[in-house]
Amino acid sequence: MNIILDILSNKKIVDLIDSKESGYEPQDPQTLIYRNIFPFLKVPDVQTNAMTNILIAVDKLGKHKTNPSYSNVRVTIWVLAHQEHMRMKNKAGSRIDVISDEIEKLFRGSKKYGFSELDDFPNYEKLLSEKFIYREIVFRTSELSKPVCGIGW
């Protein structure tokens, strides 16, 4: 949830989602949770409105080699948009490109989440279906900075 709250605190990302159609209330960015930002990788339902979503999954990759109380973790973030929502006025790049750049700036090298420093892997553009394109951003830790039992997933 802390990852989602940090994404919501970034006004550029919130504005780029452009979620007026989904009932977003500017005075309460948390209205985007489960509308445009999901704490799991979600395949979109058939949508009548073109929109953009951010999907987040946290995976435990196994125990740390020297201390089994710790785990290695991968954070996967999808920035997913309907093809009709990719183009932006007055900005270079597609909507998912610009949002994924902002997400990388926000999280690359961070130690804020109880993890060791987040390392980033390649940021790939992928096709989910004929109408949905997404960027997959993957961050990985070499270990948690506190025991697994204390992180409160």
N, C-alpha and C. Protein backbone atom coordinates (compact mmCIF):
# COMPACT_ATOMS: atom_id res chain seq x y z
N MET A 1 0.82 -1.20 0.00
CA MET A 1 0.00 0.00 0.00
C MET A 1 0.87 1.26 0.00
N ASN A 2 2.05 1.18 0.63
CA ASN A 2 2.92 2.36 0.63
C ASN A 2 3.37 2.73 -0.78
N ILE A 3 3.57 1.75 -1.62
CA ILE A 3 3.94 2.02 -3.01
C ILE A 3 2.81 2.76 -3.71
N ILE A 4 1.59 2.31 -3.51
CA ILE A 4 0.43 2.98 -4.11
C ILE A 4 0.30 4.41 -3.59
N LEU A 5 0.45 4.59 -2.29
CA LEU A 5 0.32 5.94 -1.71
C LEU A 5 1.39 6.88 -2.25
N ASP A 6 2.60 6.38 -2.49
CA ASP A 6 3.63 7.23 -3.08
C ASP A 6 3.33 7.58 -4.53
N ILE A 7 2.77 6.64 -5.26
CA ILE A 7 2.35 6.95 -6.63
C ILE A 7 1.26 8.04 -6.60
N LEU A 8 0.32 7.92 -5.68
CA LEU A 8 -0.76 8.90 -5.56
C LEU A 8 -0.26 10.27 -5.12
N SER A 9 0.86 10.31 -4.40
CA SER A 9 1.39 11.59 -3.95
C SER A 9 2.13 12.33 -5.06
N ASN A 10 2.36 11.65 -6.19
CA ASN A 10 3.04 12.26 -7.32
C ASN A 10 2.00 12.85 -8.26
N LYS A 11 1.85 14.17 -8.21
CA LYS A 11 0.82 14.86 -9.00
C LYS A 11 0.97 14.62 -10.49
N LYS A 12 2.21 14.52 -10.98
CA LYS A 12 2.42 14.28 -12.41
C LYS A 12 1.79 12.95 -12.83
N ILE A 13 2.02 11.91 -12.02
CA ILE A 13 1.48 10.59 -12.36
C ILE A 13 -0.05 10.63 -12.30
N VAL A 14 -0.59 11.22 -11.24
CA VAL A 14 -2.05 11.28 -11.09
C VAL A 14 -2.66 12.03 -12.27
N ASP A 15 -2.05 13.16 -12.66
CA ASP A 15 -2.57 13.92 -13.80
C ASP A 15 -2.45 13.14 -15.11
N LEU A 16 -1.36 12.39 -15.27
CA LEU A 16 -1.16 11.63 -16.50
C LEU A 16 -2.13 10.46 -16.64
N ILE A 17 -2.58 9.92 -15.51
CA ILE A 17 -3.59 8.86 -15.58
C ILE A 17 -4.85 9.39 -16.23
N ASP A 18 -5.15 10.69 -15.99
CA ASP A 18 -6.30 11.34 -16.63
C ASP A 18 -7.57 10.54 -16.40
N SER A 19 -7.93 10.40 -15.16
CA SER A 19 -8.98 9.45 -14.77
C SER A 19 -10.33 10.09 -14.46
N LYS A 20 -10.62 11.21 -15.05
CA LYS A 20 -11.90 11.88 -14.76
C LYS A 20 -13.11 10.97 -15.01
N GLU A 21 -13.01 10.12 -16.01
CA GLU A 21 -14.11 9.21 -16.34
C GLU A 21 -14.38 8.17 -15.26
N SER A 22 -13.39 7.88 -14.42
CA SER A 22 -13.55 6.81 -13.44
C SER A 22 -14.03 7.31 -12.08
N GLY A 23 -14.36 8.58 -11.96
CA GLY A 23 -14.87 9.10 -10.71
C GLY A 23 -13.79 9.66 -9.80
N TYR A 24 -12.65 9.98 -10.34
CA TYR A 24 -11.54 10.53 -9.56
C TYR A 24 -11.93 11.85 -8.95
N GLU A 25 -11.61 12.01 -7.68
CA GLU A 25 -11.86 13.26 -6.96
C GLU A 25 -10.52 13.89 -6.62
N PRO A 26 -10.15 15.02 -7.23
CA PRO A 26 -8.84 15.63 -7.03
C PRO A 26 -8.48 15.88 -5.56
N GLN A 27 -9.45 16.19 -4.74
CA GLN A 27 -9.17 16.43 -3.32
C GLN A 27 -8.87 15.14 -2.56
N ASP A 28 -9.14 13.98 -3.18
CA ASP A 28 -8.89 12.69 -2.55
C ASP A 28 -8.30 11.72 -3.57
N PRO A 29 -6.97 11.78 -3.81
CA PRO A 29 -6.36 10.89 -4.81
C PRO A 29 -6.60 9.41 -4.54
N GLN A 30 -6.91 9.03 -3.30
CA GLN A 30 -7.15 7.62 -3.00
C GLN A 30 -8.39 7.07 -3.72
N THR A 31 -9.20 7.94 -4.31
CA THR A 31 -10.34 7.46 -5.10
C THR A 31 -9.87 6.71 -6.34
N LEU A 32 -8.58 6.80 -6.68
CA LEU A 32 -8.04 6.07 -7.82
C LEU A 32 -7.79 4.59 -7.50
N ILE A 33 -7.67 4.26 -6.20
CA ILE A 33 -7.39 2.87 -5.81
C ILE A 33 -8.61 2.02 -6.16
N TYR A 34 -8.35 0.93 -6.84
CA TYR A 34 -9.35 -0.01 -7.36
C TYR A 34 -10.20 0.58 -8.49
N ARG A 35 -9.83 1.76 -8.97
CA ARG A 35 -10.45 2.33 -10.18
C ARG A 35 -9.41 2.41 -11.28
N ASN A 36 -8.25 2.98 -10.94
CA ASN A 36 -7.16 3.11 -11.90
C ASN A 36 -5.84 2.53 -11.39
N ILE A 37 -5.72 2.36 -10.09
CA ILE A 37 -4.50 1.80 -9.50
C ILE A 37 -4.91 0.58 -8.68
N PHE A 38 -4.26 -0.55 -8.98
CA PHE A 38 -4.65 -1.82 -8.36
C PHE A 38 -3.44 -2.48 -7.71
N PRO A 39 -3.63 -3.08 -6.52
CA PRO A 39 -2.52 -3.78 -5.85
C PRO A 39 -2.36 -5.22 -6.34
N PHE A 40 -2.61 -5.45 -7.60
CA PHE A 40 -2.45 -6.75 -8.25
C PHE A 40 -2.46 -6.51 -9.75
N LEU A 41 -1.99 -7.50 -10.50
CA LEU A 41 -1.99 -7.39 -11.96
C LEU A 41 -3.37 -7.79 -12.47
N LYS A 42 -4.09 -6.83 -13.01
CA LYS A 42 -5.49 -7.00 -13.39
C LYS A 42 -5.63 -6.90 -14.90
N VAL A 43 -6.28 -7.88 -15.49
CA VAL A 43 -6.63 -7.80 -16.90
C VAL A 43 -7.89 -6.94 -16.98
N PRO A 44 -7.89 -5.88 -17.77
CA PRO A 44 -9.05 -4.98 -17.79
C PRO A 44 -10.30 -5.64 -18.34
N ASP A 45 -11.42 -5.23 -17.75
CA ASP A 45 -12.71 -5.65 -18.28
C ASP A 45 -12.94 -4.87 -19.58
N VAL A 46 -13.94 -5.26 -20.32
CA VAL A 46 -14.29 -4.50 -21.52
C VAL A 46 -14.67 -3.09 -21.06
N GLN A 47 -14.02 -2.11 -21.63
CA GLN A 47 -14.25 -0.73 -21.22
C GLN A 47 -14.87 0.06 -22.36
N THR A 48 -15.83 0.90 -22.01
CA THR A 48 -16.39 1.79 -23.02
C THR A 48 -15.57 3.07 -23.10
N ASN A 49 -14.89 3.44 -22.01
CA ASN A 49 -14.05 4.63 -22.00
C ASN A 49 -12.59 4.22 -22.06
N ALA A 50 -11.81 4.90 -22.89
CA ALA A 50 -10.37 4.66 -22.94
C ALA A 50 -9.77 5.22 -21.67
N MET A 51 -8.97 4.40 -20.96
CA MET A 51 -8.38 4.86 -19.72
C MET A 51 -7.01 4.21 -19.51
N THR A 52 -6.33 4.67 -18.45
CA THR A 52 -5.01 4.18 -18.09
C THR A 52 -5.05 3.64 -16.68
N ASN A 53 -4.37 2.51 -16.46
CA ASN A 53 -4.30 1.89 -15.13
C ASN A 53 -2.85 1.64 -14.75
N ILE A 54 -2.60 1.61 -13.44
CA ILE A 54 -1.31 1.20 -12.90
C ILE A 54 -1.60 -0.01 -12.02
N LEU A 55 -0.89 -1.10 -12.30
CA LEU A 55 -1.10 -2.38 -11.62
C LEU A 55 0.20 -2.77 -10.93
N ILE A 56 0.10 -3.26 -9.69
CA ILE A 56 1.30 -3.53 -8.90
C ILE A 56 1.22 -4.92 -8.29
N ALA A 57 2.31 -5.68 -8.41
CA ALA A 57 2.41 -6.99 -7.76
C ALA A 57 3.74 -7.05 -7.01
N VAL A 58 3.70 -7.62 -5.82
CA VAL A 58 4.92 -7.83 -5.03
C VAL A 58 5.07 -9.33 -4.84
N ASP A 59 6.21 -9.86 -5.26
CA ASP A 59 6.47 -11.29 -5.18
C ASP A 59 7.68 -11.57 -4.30
N LYS A 60 7.56 -12.57 -3.44
CA LYS A 60 8.71 -13.04 -2.67
C LYS A 60 9.43 -14.07 -3.54
N LEU A 61 10.73 -13.89 -3.70
CA LEU A 61 11.50 -14.74 -4.60
C LEU A 61 12.25 -15.85 -3.87
N GLY A 62 12.13 -15.89 -2.58
CA GLY A 62 12.84 -16.92 -1.82
C GLY A 62 13.61 -16.30 -0.67
N LYS A 63 14.12 -17.16 0.17
CA LYS A 63 14.85 -16.72 1.36
C LYS A 63 16.23 -16.19 0.99
N HIS A 64 16.69 -15.26 1.80
CA HIS A 64 18.04 -14.74 1.65
C HIS A 64 19.04 -15.85 1.95
N LYS A 65 20.15 -15.87 1.24
CA LYS A 65 21.12 -16.97 1.36
C LYS A 65 21.71 -17.11 2.77
N THR A 66 22.07 -16.00 3.38
CA THR A 66 22.75 -16.08 4.67
C THR A 66 21.85 -15.92 5.87
N ASN A 67 20.64 -15.38 5.67
CA ASN A 67 19.72 -15.20 6.79
C ASN A 67 18.31 -15.55 6.34
N PRO A 68 17.80 -16.74 6.67
CA PRO A 68 16.49 -17.18 6.20
C PRO A 68 15.31 -16.38 6.76
N SER A 69 15.57 -15.45 7.69
CA SER A 69 14.50 -14.57 8.18
C SER A 69 14.17 -13.48 7.17
N TYR A 70 15.01 -13.33 6.16
CA TYR A 70 14.85 -12.30 5.15
C TYR A 70 14.51 -12.93 3.80
N SER A 71 13.82 -12.16 2.95
CA SER A 71 13.46 -12.64 1.62
C SER A 71 13.92 -11.67 0.55
N ASN A 72 14.14 -12.21 -0.64
CA ASN A 72 14.35 -11.39 -1.82
C ASN A 72 12.97 -11.08 -2.40
N VAL A 73 12.77 -9.86 -2.88
CA VAL A 73 11.46 -9.40 -3.33
C VAL A 73 11.56 -8.77 -4.71
N ARG A 74 10.51 -9.01 -5.53
CA ARG A 74 10.39 -8.35 -6.84
C ARG A 74 9.09 -7.55 -6.83
N VAL A 75 9.18 -6.29 -7.25
CA VAL A 75 8.00 -5.43 -7.41
C VAL A 75 7.80 -5.23 -8.90
N THR A 76 6.64 -5.65 -9.41
CA THR A 76 6.30 -5.50 -10.82
C THR A 76 5.21 -4.46 -10.94
N ILE A 77 5.43 -3.48 -11.79
CA ILE A 77 4.44 -2.42 -12.02
C ILE A 77 4.12 -2.41 -13.51
N TRP A 78 2.84 -2.53 -13.81
CA TRP A 78 2.37 -2.38 -15.19
C TRP A 78 1.72 -1.02 -15.32
N VAL A 79 2.09 -0.28 -16.35
CA VAL A 79 1.38 0.94 -16.72
C VAL A 79 0.64 0.57 -18.00
N LEU A 80 -0.67 0.42 -17.88
CA LEU A 80 -1.51 -0.16 -18.92
C LEU A 80 -2.48 0.89 -19.46
N ALA A 81 -2.56 1.00 -20.77
CA ALA A 81 -3.48 1.98 -21.36
C ALA A 81 -4.19 1.39 -22.56
N HIS A 82 -5.41 1.85 -22.73
CA HIS A 82 -6.17 1.54 -23.94
C HIS A 82 -5.50 2.29 -25.08
N GLN A 83 -5.48 1.70 -26.27
CA GLN A 83 -4.80 2.34 -27.41
C GLN A 83 -5.32 3.74 -27.70
N GLU A 84 -6.59 3.99 -27.40
CA GLU A 84 -7.18 5.31 -27.65
C GLU A 84 -6.72 6.34 -26.61
N HIS A 85 -6.04 5.89 -25.56
CA HIS A 85 -5.61 6.79 -24.49
C HIS A 85 -4.09 6.97 -24.47
N MET A 86 -3.42 6.47 -25.48
CA MET A 86 -1.95 6.54 -25.50
C MET A 86 -1.42 7.93 -25.85
N ARG A 87 -2.07 8.59 -26.77
CA ARG A 87 -1.57 9.89 -27.26
C ARG A 87 -1.90 10.99 -26.26
N MET A 88 -0.93 11.88 -26.07
CA MET A 88 -1.13 13.02 -25.17
C MET A 88 -0.86 14.31 -25.93
N LYS A 89 -1.62 15.32 -25.61
CA LYS A 89 -1.39 16.63 -26.22
C LYS A 89 -0.20 17.29 -25.54
N ASN A 90 0.63 17.95 -26.32
CA ASN A 90 1.75 18.75 -25.81
C ASN A 90 2.80 17.95 -25.04
N LYS A 91 2.91 16.67 -25.26
CA LYS A 91 3.95 15.87 -24.61
C LYS A 91 4.56 14.92 -25.63
N ALA A 92 5.87 14.75 -25.54
CA ALA A 92 6.54 13.78 -26.41
C ALA A 92 6.42 12.40 -25.77
N GLY A 93 6.18 11.40 -26.56
CA GLY A 93 6.05 10.04 -26.05
C GLY A 93 4.61 9.68 -25.78
N SER A 94 4.39 8.40 -25.59
CA SER A 94 3.03 7.94 -25.28
C SER A 94 2.77 8.08 -23.78
N ARG A 95 1.51 7.97 -23.41
CA ARG A 95 1.11 8.10 -22.01
C ARG A 95 1.85 7.08 -21.13
N ILE A 96 1.94 5.83 -21.59
CA ILE A 96 2.60 4.83 -20.75
C ILE A 96 4.11 5.08 -20.65
N ASP A 97 4.71 5.65 -21.68
CA ASP A 97 6.14 5.99 -21.62
C ASP A 97 6.40 7.05 -20.56
N VAL A 98 5.60 8.10 -20.58
CA VAL A 98 5.82 9.22 -19.67
C VAL A 98 5.53 8.80 -18.22
N ILE A 99 4.45 8.05 -18.01
CA ILE A 99 4.13 7.59 -16.65
C ILE A 99 5.22 6.64 -16.14
N SER A 100 5.67 5.73 -16.98
CA SER A 100 6.70 4.78 -16.52
C SER A 100 8.01 5.51 -16.19
N ASP A 101 8.34 6.55 -16.91
CA ASP A 101 9.53 7.36 -16.57
C ASP A 101 9.37 7.98 -15.18
N GLU A 102 8.19 8.50 -14.89
CA GLU A 102 7.94 9.09 -13.56
C GLU A 102 8.02 8.03 -12.46
N ILE A 103 7.50 6.85 -12.72
CA ILE A 103 7.55 5.76 -11.73
C ILE A 103 9.01 5.35 -11.48
N GLU A 104 9.80 5.25 -12.53
CA GLU A 104 11.21 4.91 -12.35
C GLU A 104 11.92 5.95 -11.49
N LYS A 105 11.67 7.23 -11.73
CA LYS A 105 12.28 8.29 -10.93
C LYS A 105 11.88 8.15 -9.46
N LEU A 106 10.63 7.80 -9.23
CA LEU A 106 10.09 7.70 -7.88
C LEU A 106 10.72 6.55 -7.08
N PHE A 107 10.97 5.41 -7.73
CA PHE A 107 11.37 4.21 -7.00
C PHE A 107 12.82 3.75 -7.18
N ARG A 108 13.46 4.12 -8.27
CA ARG A 108 14.82 3.62 -8.53
C ARG A 108 15.75 4.00 -7.38
N GLY A 109 16.38 3.00 -6.79
CA GLY A 109 17.34 3.22 -5.72
C GLY A 109 16.73 3.47 -4.35
N SER A 110 15.42 3.45 -4.25
CA SER A 110 14.76 3.75 -2.98
C SER A 110 15.01 2.67 -1.93
N LYS A 111 15.15 3.11 -0.69
CA LYS A 111 15.24 2.20 0.46
C LYS A 111 14.06 2.44 1.40
N LYS A 112 13.08 3.15 0.93
CA LYS A 112 11.97 3.64 1.75
C LYS A 112 10.99 2.55 2.20
N TYR A 113 10.96 1.42 1.55
CA TYR A 113 9.89 0.46 1.77
C TYR A 113 10.29 -0.73 2.64
N GLY A 114 11.34 -0.58 3.42
CA GLY A 114 11.80 -1.68 4.25
C GLY A 114 12.63 -2.66 3.47
N PHE A 115 12.94 -2.34 2.22
CA PHE A 115 13.75 -3.19 1.38
C PHE A 115 15.18 -2.65 1.37
N SER A 116 16.10 -3.49 0.92
CA SER A 116 17.38 -2.93 0.52
C SER A 116 17.09 -2.08 -0.72
N GLU A 117 18.07 -1.43 -1.24
CA GLU A 117 17.86 -0.54 -2.38
C GLU A 117 17.16 -1.27 -3.53
N LEU A 118 16.14 -0.62 -4.11
CA LEU A 118 15.44 -1.19 -5.26
C LEU A 118 16.30 -1.03 -6.51
N ASP A 119 16.63 -2.15 -7.14
CA ASP A 119 17.36 -2.14 -8.41
C ASP A 119 16.33 -2.25 -9.52
N ASP A 120 16.54 -1.50 -10.60
CA ASP A 120 15.59 -1.60 -11.69
C ASP A 120 16.14 -2.49 -12.80
N PHE A 121 15.23 -3.14 -13.45
CA PHE A 121 15.51 -3.99 -14.58
C PHE A 121 14.97 -3.28 -15.81
N PRO A 122 15.17 -3.85 -16.98
CA PRO A 122 14.64 -3.19 -18.18
C PRO A 122 13.13 -2.91 -18.09
N ASN A 123 12.75 -1.86 -18.75
CA ASN A 123 11.37 -1.40 -18.80
C ASN A 123 10.87 -1.75 -20.20
N TYR A 124 10.00 -2.75 -20.29
CA TYR A 124 9.56 -3.26 -21.59
C TYR A 124 8.16 -2.81 -21.95
N GLU A 125 7.95 -2.49 -23.23
CA GLU A 125 6.59 -2.27 -23.73
C GLU A 125 6.07 -3.60 -24.24
N LYS A 126 4.82 -3.91 -23.86
CA LYS A 126 4.22 -5.19 -24.25
C LYS A 126 2.78 -4.97 -24.70
N LEU A 127 2.29 -5.90 -25.49
CA LEU A 127 0.93 -5.86 -25.98
C LEU A 127 0.10 -6.88 -25.20
N LEU A 128 -0.92 -6.40 -24.47
CA LEU A 128 -1.78 -7.30 -23.73
C LEU A 128 -2.86 -7.89 -24.64
N SER A 129 -3.41 -7.03 -25.49
CA SER A 129 -4.43 -7.45 -26.46
C SER A 129 -4.38 -6.45 -27.61
N GLU A 130 -5.29 -6.58 -28.53
CA GLU A 130 -5.26 -5.65 -29.67
C GLU A 130 -5.57 -4.22 -29.26
N LYS A 131 -6.18 -4.02 -28.10
CA LYS A 131 -6.52 -2.66 -27.67
C LYS A 131 -5.75 -2.15 -26.46
N PHE A 132 -4.99 -3.01 -25.78
CA PHE A 132 -4.29 -2.61 -24.56
C PHE A 132 -2.79 -2.84 -24.68
N ILE A 133 -2.03 -1.77 -24.38
CA ILE A 133 -0.59 -1.80 -24.40
C ILE A 133 -0.12 -1.46 -22.99
N TYR A 134 0.98 -2.07 -22.55
CA TYR A 134 1.48 -1.73 -21.23
C TYR A 134 3.00 -1.71 -21.20
N ARG A 135 3.53 -1.01 -20.22
CA ARG A 135 4.95 -1.03 -19.91
C ARG A 135 5.08 -1.80 -18.61
N GLU A 136 6.03 -2.72 -18.60
CA GLU A 136 6.30 -3.50 -17.40
C GLU A 136 7.61 -3.01 -16.80
N ILE A 137 7.51 -2.51 -15.58
CA ILE A 137 8.68 -2.01 -14.85
C ILE A 137 8.90 -2.97 -13.69
N VAL A 138 10.10 -3.49 -13.58
CA VAL A 138 10.39 -4.47 -12.52
C VAL A 138 11.53 -3.94 -11.67
N PHE A 139 11.29 -3.93 -10.36
CA PHE A 139 12.32 -3.59 -9.39
C PHE A 139 12.56 -4.83 -8.54
N ARG A 140 13.80 -5.03 -8.12
CA ARG A 140 14.11 -6.19 -7.31
C ARG A 140 15.01 -5.76 -6.16
N THR A 141 14.84 -6.41 -5.03
CA THR A 141 15.73 -6.19 -3.90
C THR A 141 16.64 -7.39 -3.75
N SER A 142 17.79 -7.15 -3.18
CA SER A 142 18.65 -8.28 -2.88
C SER A 142 18.28 -8.86 -1.52
N GLU A 143 17.60 -8.10 -0.70
CA GLU A 143 17.10 -8.59 0.58
C GLU A 143 16.20 -7.53 1.20
N LEU A 144 15.38 -7.95 2.13
CA LEU A 144 14.62 -7.00 2.93
C LEU A 144 15.54 -6.46 4.01
N SER A 145 15.28 -5.24 4.46
CA SER A 145 16.11 -4.69 5.52
C SER A 145 15.55 -5.00 6.90
N LYS A 146 14.46 -5.75 6.95
CA LYS A 146 13.92 -6.23 8.22
C LYS A 146 13.27 -7.58 7.99
N PRO A 147 13.06 -8.36 9.02
CA PRO A 147 12.53 -9.71 8.82
C PRO A 147 11.17 -9.74 8.14
N VAL A 148 10.93 -10.80 7.37
CA VAL A 148 9.69 -10.98 6.63
C VAL A 148 8.48 -10.93 7.55
N CYS A 149 8.57 -11.52 8.71
CA CYS A 149 7.41 -11.58 9.61
C CYS A 149 7.00 -10.19 10.09
N GLY A 150 7.85 -9.19 9.95
CA GLY A 150 7.53 -7.87 10.45
C GLY A 150 7.09 -6.88 9.39
N ILE A 151 6.94 -7.28 8.15
CA ILE A 151 6.65 -6.28 7.11
C ILE A 151 5.17 -6.03 6.90
N GLY A 152 4.31 -6.89 7.40
CA GLY A 152 2.88 -6.60 7.34
C GLY A 152 2.24 -6.61 5.99
N TRP A 153 2.61 -7.55 5.12
CA TRP A 153 1.97 -7.63 3.81
C TRP A 153 0.54 -7.95 4.02
